Amino acid sequence: MILYNVTVNIDADVEKDWIDWMKETHIPEVMDTGFFTDYRMMKMLSQGEDDTGTTYAIQYMAETLGHLETYLDTVAPKIQKKSIIRYGTKMAAFRTVLEEV
């Protein structure tokens, strides 16, 4: 099992809109690609003193690394662009890939 983790820090003034958009639009669009079997959206409870906004981790589970790589190569840029257009500098994201052991 491969876990594709997207960590996002979102500004407080758009946080509610972002959560709603993630749950109603973005995550369903990602899941509808068929590359992932499940997901979780988690809110980080402990943050550094210098952190602004709130940090979330969206975790998508893929059966194989090949599924994830195909998603990243063919679909992800278009989907990610929608986030950038909608939230711009109000959000910062980084991605990690983990393998279940």
PDB file of N, CA and C in Angstrom:
ATOM      1  N   MET A   1       0.849  -1.174   0.000  1.00  0.00           N
ATOM      2  CA  MET A   1       0.000   0.000   0.000  1.00  0.00           C
ATOM      3  C   MET A   1       0.895   1.238   0.000  1.00  0.00           C
ATOM      4  N   ILE A   2       0.551   2.199  -0.830  1.00  0.00           N
ATOM      5  CA  ILE A   2       1.283   3.461  -0.949  1.00  0.00           C
ATOM      6  C   ILE A   2       0.403   4.581  -0.419  1.00  0.00           C
ATOM      7  N   LEU A   3       0.974   5.421   0.422  1.00  0.00           N
ATOM      8  CA  LEU A   3       0.253   6.570   0.954  1.00  0.00           C
ATOM      9  C   LEU A   3       0.824   7.839   0.328  1.00  0.00           C
ATOM     10  N   TYR A   4      -0.029   8.599  -0.323  1.00  0.00           N
ATOM     11  CA  TYR A   4       0.340   9.876  -0.925  1.00  0.00           C
ATOM     12  C   TYR A   4      -0.201  10.944   0.004  1.00  0.00           C
ATOM     13  N   ASN A   5       0.694  11.626   0.697  1.00  0.00           N
ATOM     14  CA  ASN A   5       0.325  12.606   1.710  1.00  0.00           C
ATOM     15  C   ASN A   5       0.530  14.018   1.172  1.00  0.00           C
ATOM     16  N   VAL A   6      -0.528  14.805   1.212  1.00  0.00           N
ATOM     17  CA  VAL A   6      -0.462  16.207   0.810  1.00  0.00           C
ATOM     18  C   VAL A   6      -0.682  17.043   2.061  1.00  0.00           C
ATOM     19  N   THR A   7       0.353  17.751   2.486  1.00  0.00           N
ATOM     20  CA  THR A   7       0.267  18.605   3.667  1.00  0.00           C
ATOM     21  C   THR A   7       0.033  20.024   3.200  1.00  0.00           C
ATOM     22  N   VAL A   8      -1.003  20.648   3.745  1.00  0.00           N
ATOM     23  CA  VAL A   8      -1.416  21.986   3.313  1.00  0.00           C
ATOM     24  C   VAL A   8      -1.535  22.897   4.524  1.00  0.00           C
ATOM     25  N   ASN A   9      -0.924  24.075   4.426  1.00  0.00           N
ATOM     26  CA  ASN A   9      -1.152  25.122   5.407  1.00  0.00           C
ATOM     27  C   ASN A   9      -2.044  26.149   4.738  1.00  0.00           C
ATOM     28  N   ILE A  10      -3.189  26.436   5.365  1.00  0.00           N
ATOM     29  CA  ILE A  10      -4.183  27.320   4.772  1.00  0.00           C
ATOM     30  C   ILE A  10      -4.430  28.520   5.680  1.00  0.00           C
ATOM     31  N   ASP A  11      -4.515  29.705   5.091  1.00  0.00           N
ATOM     32  CA  ASP A  11      -4.767  30.927   5.850  1.00  0.00           C
ATOM     33  C   ASP A  11      -6.149  30.885   6.494  1.00  0.00           C
ATOM     34  N   ALA A  12      -6.251  31.463   7.688  1.00  0.00           N
ATOM     35  CA  ALA A  12      -7.488  31.434   8.461  1.00  0.00           C
ATOM     36  C   ALA A  12      -8.666  32.076   7.725  1.00  0.00           C
ATOM     37  N   ASP A  13      -8.406  33.112   6.933  1.00  0.00           N
ATOM     38  CA  ASP A  13      -9.510  33.820   6.289  1.00  0.00           C
ATOM     39  C   ASP A  13     -10.183  33.034   5.168  1.00  0.00           C
ATOM     40  N   VAL A  14      -9.563  31.954   4.705  1.00  0.00           N
ATOM     41  CA  VAL A  14     -10.185  31.109   3.667  1.00  0.00           C
ATOM     42  C   VAL A  14     -10.334  29.650   4.124  1.00  0.00           C
ATOM     43  N   GLU A  15     -10.021  29.397   5.378  1.00  0.00           N
ATOM     44  CA  GLU A  15     -10.004  28.015   5.868  1.00  0.00           C
ATOM     45  C   GLU A  15     -11.362  27.326   5.718  1.00  0.00           C
ATOM     46  N   LYS A  16     -12.429  27.945   6.128  1.00  0.00           N
ATOM     47  CA  LYS A  16     -13.761  27.318   6.041  1.00  0.00           C
ATOM     48  C   LYS A  16     -14.108  27.016   4.590  1.00  0.00           C
ATOM     49  N   ASP A  17     -13.897  27.983   3.698  1.00  0.00           N
ATOM     50  CA  ASP A  17     -14.169  27.762   2.275  1.00  0.00           C
ATOM     51  C   ASP A  17     -13.315  26.620   1.739  1.00  0.00           C
ATOM     52  N   TRP A  18     -12.052  26.583   2.119  1.00  0.00           N
ATOM     53  CA  TRP A  18     -11.138  25.546   1.647  1.00  0.00           C
ATOM     54  C   TRP A  18     -11.589  24.160   2.104  1.00  0.00           C
ATOM     55  N   ILE A  19     -11.967  24.031   3.377  1.00  0.00           N
ATOM     56  CA  ILE A  19     -12.439  22.736   3.890  1.00  0.00           C
ATOM     57  C   ILE A  19     -13.659  22.271   3.107  1.00  0.00           C
ATOM     58  N   ASP A  20     -14.619  23.165   2.930  1.00  0.00           N
ATOM     59  CA  ASP A  20     -15.824  22.811   2.169  1.00  0.00           C
ATOM     60  C   ASP A  20     -15.464  22.399   0.743  1.00  0.00           C
ATOM     61  N   TRP A  21     -14.583  23.165   0.094  1.00  0.00           N
ATOM     62  CA  TRP A  21     -14.178  22.874  -1.280  1.00  0.00           C
ATOM     63  C   TRP A  21     -13.446  21.544  -1.367  1.00  0.00           C
ATOM     64  N   MET A  22     -12.584  21.274  -0.393  1.00  0.00           N
ATOM     65  CA  MET A  22     -11.862  19.998  -0.374  1.00  0.00           C
ATOM     66  C   MET A  22     -12.842  18.833  -0.278  1.00  0.00           C
ATOM     67  N   LYS A  23     -13.783  18.921   0.654  1.00  0.00           N
ATOM     68  CA  LYS A  23     -14.712  17.813   0.898  1.00  0.00           C
ATOM     69  C   LYS A  23     -15.736  17.636  -0.219  1.00  0.00           C
ATOM     70  N   GLU A  24     -16.187  18.743  -0.804  1.00  0.00           N
ATOM     71  CA  GLU A  24     -17.261  18.674  -1.794  1.00  0.00           C
ATOM     72  C   GLU A  24     -16.756  18.569  -3.235  1.00  0.00           C
ATOM     73  N   THR A  25     -15.555  19.084  -3.512  1.00  0.00           N
ATOM     74  CA  THR A  25     -15.084  19.168  -4.891  1.00  0.00           C
ATOM     75  C   THR A  25     -13.747  18.465  -5.112  1.00  0.00           C
ATOM     76  N   HIS A  26     -12.722  18.921  -4.421  1.00  0.00           N
ATOM     77  CA  HIS A  26     -11.360  18.454  -4.718  1.00  0.00           C
ATOM     78  C   HIS A  26     -11.154  16.964  -4.430  1.00  0.00           C
ATOM     79  N   ILE A  27     -11.430  16.543  -3.212  1.00  0.00           N
ATOM     80  CA  ILE A  27     -11.213  15.142  -2.861  1.00  0.00           C
ATOM     81  C   ILE A  27     -12.081  14.214  -3.716  1.00  0.00           C
ATOM     82  N   PRO A  28     -13.373  14.518  -3.916  1.00  0.00           N
ATOM     83  CA  PRO A  28     -14.146  13.658  -4.818  1.00  0.00           C
ATOM     84  C   PRO A  28     -13.554  13.583  -6.228  1.00  0.00           C
ATOM     85  N   GLU A  29     -13.021  14.698  -6.726  1.00  0.00           N
ATOM     86  CA  GLU A  29     -12.408  14.682  -8.057  1.00  0.00           C
ATOM     87  C   GLU A  29     -11.182  13.765  -8.085  1.00  0.00           C
ATOM     88  N   VAL A  30     -10.357  13.848  -7.049  1.00  0.00           N
ATOM     89  CA  VAL A  30      -9.183  12.973  -6.968  1.00  0.00           C
ATOM     90  C   VAL A  30      -9.616  11.507  -6.875  1.00  0.00           C
ATOM     91  N   MET A  31     -10.579  11.218  -6.024  1.00  0.00           N
ATOM     92  CA  MET A  31     -11.028   9.837  -5.843  1.00  0.00           C
ATOM     93  C   MET A  31     -11.690   9.298  -7.108  1.00  0.00           C
ATOM     94  N   ASP A  32     -12.373  10.148  -7.851  1.00  0.00           N
ATOM     95  CA  ASP A  32     -13.036   9.719  -9.088  1.00  0.00           C
ATOM     96  C   ASP A  32     -12.054   9.313 -10.182  1.00  0.00           C
ATOM     97  N   THR A  33     -10.760   9.630 -10.020  1.00  0.00           N
ATOM     98  CA  THR A  33      -9.771   9.225 -11.017  1.00  0.00           C
ATOM     99  C   THR A  33      -9.569   7.717 -11.008  1.00  0.00           C
ATOM    100  N   GLY A  34      -9.908   7.059  -9.907  1.00  0.00           N
ATOM    101  CA  GLY A  34      -9.750   5.616  -9.810  1.00  0.00           C
ATOM    102  C   GLY A  34      -8.365   5.139  -9.406  1.00  0.00           C
ATOM    103  N   PHE A  35      -7.449   6.061  -9.145  1.00  0.00           N
ATOM    104  CA  PHE A  35      -6.087   5.672  -8.786  1.00  0.00           C
ATOM    105  C   PHE A  35      -5.918   5.390  -7.293  1.00  0.00           C
ATOM    106  N   PHE A  36      -6.895   5.792  -6.490  1.00  0.00           N
ATOM    107  CA  PHE A  36      -6.799   5.648  -5.035  1.00  0.00           C
ATOM    108  C   PHE A  36      -7.961   4.823  -4.500  1.00  0.00           C
ATOM    109  N   THR A  37      -7.694   4.091  -3.426  1.00  0.00           N
ATOM    110  CA  THR A  37      -8.711   3.233  -2.832  1.00  0.00           C
ATOM    111  C   THR A  37      -9.406   3.872  -1.640  1.00  0.00           C
ATOM    112  N   ASP A  38      -8.760   4.840  -0.997  1.00  0.00           N
ATOM    113  CA  ASP A  38      -9.323   5.470   0.196  1.00  0.00           C
ATOM    114  C   ASP A  38      -8.572   6.766   0.465  1.00  0.00           C
ATOM    115  N   TYR A  39      -9.087   7.550   1.387  1.00  0.00           N
ATOM    116  CA  TYR A  39      -8.419   8.788   1.776  1.00  0.00           C
ATOM    117  C   TYR A  39      -8.782   9.138   3.214  1.00  0.00           C
ATOM    118  N   ARG A  40      -8.016  10.051   3.782  1.00  0.00           N
ATOM    119  CA  ARG A  40      -8.295  10.654   5.088  1.00  0.00           C
ATOM    120  C   ARG A  40      -7.918  12.122   5.004  1.00  0.00           C
ATOM    121  N   MET A  41      -8.667  12.951   5.688  1.00  0.00           N
ATOM    122  CA  MET A  41      -8.303  14.363   5.820  1.00  0.00           C
ATOM    123  C   MET A  41      -8.136  14.632   7.307  1.00  0.00           C
ATOM    124  N   MET A  42      -6.936  15.028   7.692  1.00  0.00           N
ATOM    125  CA  MET A  42      -6.588  15.198   9.099  1.00  0.00           C
ATOM    126  C   MET A  42      -6.139  16.637   9.369  1.00  0.00           C
ATOM    127  N   LYS A  43      -6.499  17.146  10.538  1.00  0.00           N
ATOM    128  CA  LYS A  43      -6.072  18.478  10.965  1.00  0.00           C
ATOM    129  C   LYS A  43      -4.923  18.313  11.956  1.00  0.00           C
ATOM    130  N   MET A  44      -3.850  19.052  11.733  1.00  0.00           N
ATOM    131  CA  MET A  44      -2.707  18.999  12.626  1.00  0.00           C
ATOM    132  C   MET A  44      -3.043  19.786  13.891  1.00  0.00           C
ATOM    133  N   LEU A  45      -2.899  19.138  15.047  1.00  0.00           N
ATOM    134  CA  LEU A  45      -3.236  19.783  16.309  1.00  0.00           C
ATOM    135  C   LEU A  45      -2.066  20.533  16.925  1.00  0.00           C
ATOM    136  N   SER A  46      -0.851  20.073  16.678  1.00  0.00           N
ATOM    137  CA  SER A  46       0.316  20.771  17.218  1.00  0.00           C
ATOM    138  C   SER A  46       1.074  21.409  16.063  1.00  0.00           C
ATOM    139  N   GLN A  47       1.313  22.701  16.198  1.00  0.00           N
ATOM    140  CA  GLN A  47       2.018  23.445  15.150  1.00  0.00           C
ATOM    141  C   GLN A  47       3.119  24.262  15.801  1.00  0.00           C
ATOM    142  N   GLY A  48       4.092  24.646  14.997  1.00  0.00           N
ATOM    143  CA  GLY A  48       5.194  25.456  15.509  1.00  0.00           C
ATOM    144  C   GLY A  48       4.736  26.859  15.867  1.00  0.00           C
ATOM    145  N   GLU A  49       5.502  27.528  16.675  1.00  0.00           N
ATOM    146  CA  GLU A  49       5.158  28.874  17.127  1.00  0.00           C
ATOM    147  C   GLU A  49       5.079  29.870  15.976  1.00  0.00           C
ATOM    148  N   ASP A  50       5.886  29.681  14.955  1.00  0.00           N
ATOM    149  CA  ASP A  50       5.932  30.620  13.836  1.00  0.00           C
ATOM    150  C   ASP A  50       4.902  30.314  12.754  1.00  0.00           C
ATOM    151  N   ASP A  51       4.181  29.197  12.894  1.00  0.00           N
ATOM    152  CA  ASP A  51       3.207  28.823  11.869  1.00  0.00           C
ATOM    153  C   ASP A  51       2.010  29.770  11.876  1.00  0.00           C
ATOM    154  N   THR A  52       1.602  30.150  10.704  1.00  0.00           N
ATOM    155  CA  THR A  52       0.379  30.923  10.560  1.00  0.00           C
ATOM    156  C   THR A  52      -0.633  30.032   9.865  1.00  0.00           C
ATOM    157  N   GLY A  53      -1.890  30.308  10.045  1.00  0.00           N
ATOM    158  CA  GLY A  53      -2.902  29.466   9.434  1.00  0.00           C
ATOM    159  C   GLY A  53      -3.001  28.127  10.152  1.00  0.00           C
ATOM    160  N   THR A  54      -3.656  27.184   9.500  1.00  0.00           N
ATOM    161  CA  THR A  54      -3.851  25.850  10.053  1.00  0.00           C
ATOM    162  C   THR A  54      -3.324  24.835   9.049  1.00  0.00           C
ATOM    163  N   THR A  55      -2.747  23.763   9.568  1.00  0.00           N
ATOM    164  CA  THR A  55      -2.163  22.746   8.704  1.00  0.00           C
ATOM    165  C   THR A  55      -3.024  21.492   8.704  1.00  0.00           C
ATOM    166  N   TYR A  56      -3.205  20.947   7.504  1.00  0.00           N
ATOM    167  CA  TYR A  56      -3.977  19.730   7.293  1.00  0.00           C
ATOM    168  C   TYR A  56      -3.134  18.739   6.507  1.00  0.00           C
ATOM    169  N   ALA A  57      -3.424  17.448   6.692  1.00  0.00           N
ATOM    170  CA  ALA A  57      -2.811  16.395   5.885  1.00  0.00           C
ATOM    171  C   ALA A  57      -3.936  15.628   5.210  1.00  0.00           C
ATOM    172  N   ILE A  58      -3.876  15.571   3.896  1.00  0.00           N
ATOM    173  CA  ILE A  58      -4.821  14.783   3.126  1.00  0.00           C
ATOM    174  C   ILE A  58      -4.047  13.566   2.634  1.00  0.00           C
ATOM    175  N   GLN A  59      -4.497  12.385   3.031  1.00  0.00           N
ATOM    176  CA  GLN A  59      -3.774  11.148   2.751  1.00  0.00           C
ATOM    177  C   GLN A  59      -4.602  10.287   1.808  1.00  0.00           C
ATOM    178  N   TYR A  60      -4.023   9.995   0.667  1.00  0.00           N
ATOM    179  CA  TYR A  60      -4.667   9.150  -0.334  1.00  0.00           C
ATOM    180  C   TYR A  60      -3.927   7.817  -0.389  1.00  0.00           C
ATOM    181  N   MET A  61      -4.661   6.699  -0.393  1.00  0.00           N
ATOM    182  CA  MET A  61      -4.064   5.384  -0.446  1.00  0.00           C
ATOM    183  C   MET A  61      -4.176   4.800  -1.851  1.00  0.00           C
ATOM    184  N   ALA A  62      -3.032   4.345  -2.369  1.00  0.00           N
ATOM    185  CA  ALA A  62      -2.978   3.702  -3.680  1.00  0.00           C
ATOM    186  C   ALA A  62      -2.487   2.273  -3.495  1.00  0.00           C
ATOM    187  N   GLU A  63      -2.980   1.374  -4.320  1.00  0.00           N
ATOM    188  CA  GLU A  63      -2.575  -0.029  -4.201  1.00  0.00           C
ATOM    189  C   GLU A  63      -1.106  -0.238  -4.577  1.00  0.00           C
ATOM    190  N   THR A  64      -0.629   0.515  -5.582  1.00  0.00           N
ATOM    191  CA  THR A  64       0.762   0.334  -6.031  1.00  0.00           C
ATOM    192  C   THR A  64       1.401   1.695  -6.310  1.00  0.00           C
ATOM    193  N   LEU A  65       2.716   1.698  -6.330  1.00  0.00           N
ATOM    194  CA  LEU A  65       3.451   2.897  -6.703  1.00  0.00           C
ATOM    195  C   LEU A  65       3.138   3.266  -8.153  1.00  0.00           C
ATOM    196  N   GLY A  66       2.905   2.272  -8.997  1.00  0.00           N
ATOM    197  CA  GLY A  66       2.553   2.518 -10.391  1.00  0.00           C
ATOM    198  C   GLY A  66       1.259   3.313 -10.524  1.00  0.00           C
ATOM    199  N   HIS A  67       0.258   2.994  -9.699  1.00  0.00           N
ATOM    200  CA  HIS A  67      -0.990   3.762  -9.717  1.00  0.00           C
ATOM    201  C   HIS A  67      -0.717   5.229  -9.383  1.00  0.00           C
ATOM    202  N   LEU A  68       0.081   5.448  -8.333  1.00  0.00           N
ATOM    203  CA  LEU A  68       0.393   6.821  -7.931  1.00  0.00           C
ATOM    204  C   LEU A  68       1.179   7.539  -9.018  1.00  0.00           C
ATOM    205  N   GLU A  69       2.172   6.888  -9.578  1.00  0.00           N
ATOM    206  CA  GLU A  69       2.990   7.527 -10.617  1.00  0.00           C
ATOM    207  C   GLU A  69       2.150   7.897 -11.834  1.00  0.00           C
ATOM    208  N   THR A  70       1.224   7.031 -12.211  1.00  0.00           N
ATOM    209  CA  THR A  70       0.345   7.344 -13.346  1.00  0.00           C
ATOM    210  C   THR A  70      -0.534   8.553 -13.015  1.00  0.00           C
ATOM    211  N   TYR A  71      -1.080   8.585 -11.804  1.00  0.00           N
ATOM    212  CA  TYR A  71      -1.870   9.738 -11.364  1.00  0.00           C
ATOM    213  C   TYR A  71      -1.031  11.015 -11.437  1.00  0.00           C
ATOM    214  N   LEU A  72       0.170  10.973 -10.884  1.00  0.00           N
ATOM    215  CA  LEU A  72       1.028  12.165 -10.849  1.00  0.00           C
ATOM    216  C   LEU A  72       1.403  12.642 -12.248  1.00  0.00           C
ATOM    217  N   ASP A  73       1.609  11.707 -13.164  1.00  0.00           N
ATOM    218  CA  ASP A  73       2.023  12.053 -14.524  1.00  0.00           C
ATOM    219  C   ASP A  73       0.866  12.528 -15.404  1.00  0.00           C
ATOM    220  N   THR A  74      -0.329  11.999 -15.169  1.00  0.00           N
ATOM    221  CA  THR A  74      -1.420  12.255 -16.116  1.00  0.00           C
ATOM    222  C   THR A  74      -2.521  13.162 -15.613  1.00  0.00           C
ATOM    223  N   VAL A  75      -2.788  13.158 -14.317  1.00  0.00           N
ATOM    224  CA  VAL A  75      -3.965  13.853 -13.796  1.00  0.00           C
ATOM    225  C   VAL A  75      -3.619  14.962 -12.804  1.00  0.00           C
ATOM    226  N   ALA A  76      -2.642  14.718 -11.949  1.00  0.00           N
ATOM    227  CA  ALA A  76      -2.348  15.623 -10.838  1.00  0.00           C
ATOM    228  C   ALA A  76      -2.106  17.076 -11.249  1.00  0.00           C
ATOM    229  N   PRO A  77      -1.327  17.355 -12.288  1.00  0.00           N
ATOM    230  CA  PRO A  77      -1.073  18.773 -12.607  1.00  0.00           C
ATOM    231  C   PRO A  77      -2.362  19.572 -12.855  1.00  0.00           C
ATOM    232  N   LYS A  78      -3.305  19.006 -13.552  1.00  0.00           N
ATOM    233  CA  LYS A  78      -4.569  19.698 -13.840  1.00  0.00           C
ATOM    234  C   LYS A  78      -5.375  19.930 -12.561  1.00  0.00           C
ATOM    235  N   ILE A  79      -5.431  18.911 -11.712  1.00  0.00           N
ATOM    236  CA  ILE A  79      -6.188  19.036 -10.455  1.00  0.00           C
ATOM    237  C   ILE A  79      -5.502  20.019  -9.513  1.00  0.00           C
ATOM    238  N   GLN A  80      -4.180  19.940  -9.398  1.00  0.00           N
ATOM    239  CA  GLN A  80      -3.440  20.847  -8.515  1.00  0.00           C
ATOM    240  C   GLN A  80      -3.575  22.298  -8.967  1.00  0.00           C
ATOM    241  N   LYS A  81      -3.618  22.512 -10.251  1.00  0.00           N
ATOM    242  CA  LYS A  81      -3.737  23.875 -10.789  1.00  0.00           C
ATOM    243  C   LYS A  81      -5.023  24.546 -10.302  1.00  0.00           C
ATOM    244  N   LYS A  82      -6.091  23.780 -10.164  1.00  0.00           N
ATOM    245  CA  LYS A  82      -7.354  24.340  -9.674  1.00  0.00           C
ATOM    246  C   LYS A  82      -7.205  24.881  -8.259  1.00  0.00           C
ATOM    247  N   SER A  83      -6.442  24.191  -7.424  1.00  0.00           N
ATOM    248  CA  SER A  83      -6.180  24.667  -6.060  1.00  0.00           C
ATOM    249  C   SER A  83      -5.395  25.965  -6.078  1.00  0.00           C
ATOM    250  N   ILE A  84      -4.396  26.012  -6.934  1.00  0.00           N
ATOM    251  CA  ILE A  84      -3.545  27.200  -7.020  1.00  0.00           C
ATOM    252  C   ILE A  84      -4.354  28.398  -7.513  1.00  0.00           C
ATOM    253  N   ILE A  85      -5.189  28.185  -8.511  1.00  0.00           N
ATOM    254  CA  ILE A  85      -6.021  29.280  -9.029  1.00  0.00           C
ATOM    255  C   ILE A  85      -6.984  29.776  -7.956  1.00  0.00           C
ATOM    256  N   ARG A  86      -7.582  28.853  -7.221  1.00  0.00           N
ATOM    257  CA  ARG A  86      -8.604  29.228  -6.240  1.00  0.00           C
ATOM    258  C   ARG A  86      -8.004  29.892  -4.999  1.00  0.00           C
ATOM    259  N   TYR A  87      -6.853  29.394  -4.503  1.00  0.00           N
ATOM    260  CA  TYR A  87      -6.331  29.869  -3.215  1.00  0.00           C
ATOM    261  C   TYR A  87      -4.986  30.588  -3.297  1.00  0.00           C
ATOM    262  N   GLY A  88      -4.280  30.468  -4.390  1.00  0.00           N
ATOM    263  CA  GLY A  88      -3.037  31.219  -4.590  1.00  0.00           C
ATOM    264  C   GLY A  88      -2.107  31.182  -3.396  1.00  0.00           C
ATOM    265  N   THR A  89      -1.718  32.361  -2.941  1.00  0.00           N
ATOM    266  CA  THR A  89      -0.767  32.472  -1.830  1.00  0.00           C
ATOM    267  C   THR A  89      -1.413  32.253  -0.466  1.00  0.00           C
ATOM    268  N   LYS A  90      -2.698  31.969  -0.438  1.00  0.00           N
ATOM    269  CA  LYS A  90      -3.403  31.695   0.822  1.00  0.00           C
ATOM    270  C   LYS A  90      -3.141  30.273   1.305  1.00  0.00           C
ATOM    271  N   MET A  91      -2.476  29.477   0.475  1.00  0.00           N
ATOM    272  CA  MET A  91      -2.155  28.112   0.861  1.00  0.00           C
ATOM    273  C   MET A  91      -0.746  27.744   0.413  1.00  0.00           C
ATOM    274  N   ALA A  92      -0.148  26.862   1.180  1.00  0.00           N
ATOM    275  CA  ALA A  92       1.152  26.288   0.811  1.00  0.00           C
ATOM    276  C   ALA A  92       1.037  24.779   0.993  1.00  0.00           C
ATOM    277  N   ALA A  93       1.556  24.028   0.037  1.00  0.00           N
ATOM    278  CA  ALA A  93       1.427  22.575   0.100  1.00  0.00           C
ATOM    279  C   ALA A  93       2.750  21.901  -0.218  1.00  0.00           C
ATOM    280  N   PHE A  94       2.969  20.758   0.407  1.00  0.00           N
ATOM    281  CA  PHE A  94       4.065  19.883   0.001  1.00  0.00           C
ATOM    282  C   PHE A  94       3.573  18.446   0.066  1.00  0.00           C
ATOM    283  N   ARG A  95       4.207  17.604  -0.692  1.00  0.00           N
ATOM    284  CA  ARG A  95       3.740  16.237  -0.866  1.00  0.00           C
ATOM    285  C   ARG A  95       4.830  15.237  -0.502  1.00  0.00           C
ATOM    286  N   THR A  96       4.407  14.129   0.100  1.00  0.00           N
ATOM    287  CA  THR A  96       5.325  13.042   0.421  1.00  0.00           C
ATOM    288  C   THR A  96       4.661  11.712   0.010  1.00  0.00           C
ATOM    289  N   VAL A  97       5.505  10.731  -0.272  1.00  0.00           N
ATOM    290  CA  VAL A  97       5.026   9.405  -0.642  1.00  0.00           C
ATOM    291  C   VAL A  97       5.612   8.427   0.366  1.00  0.00           C
ATOM    292  N   LEU A  98       4.756   7.580   0.936  1.00  0.00           N
ATOM    293  CA  LEU A  98       5.181   6.617   1.929  1.00  0.00           C
ATOM    294  C   LEU A  98       4.697   5.227   1.532  1.00  0.00           C
ATOM    295  N   GLU A  99       5.452   4.226   1.927  1.00  0.00           N
ATOM    296  CA  GLU A  99       5.086   2.851   1.647  1.00  0.00           C
ATOM    297  C   GLU A  99       4.816   2.120   2.950  1.00  0.00           C
ATOM    298  N   GLU A 100       3.728   1.381   2.995  1.00  0.00           N
ATOM    299  CA  GLU A 100       3.395   0.590   4.180  1.00  0.00           C
ATOM    300  C   GLU A 100       4.397  -0.547   4.310  1.00  0.00           C
ATOM    301  N   VAL A 101       4.878  -0.767   5.532  1.00  0.00           N
ATOM    302  CA  VAL A 101       5.825  -1.854   5.800  1.00  0.00           C
ATOM    303  C   VAL A 101       5.241  -2.833   6.806  1.00  0.00           C
TER     304      VAL A 101
END
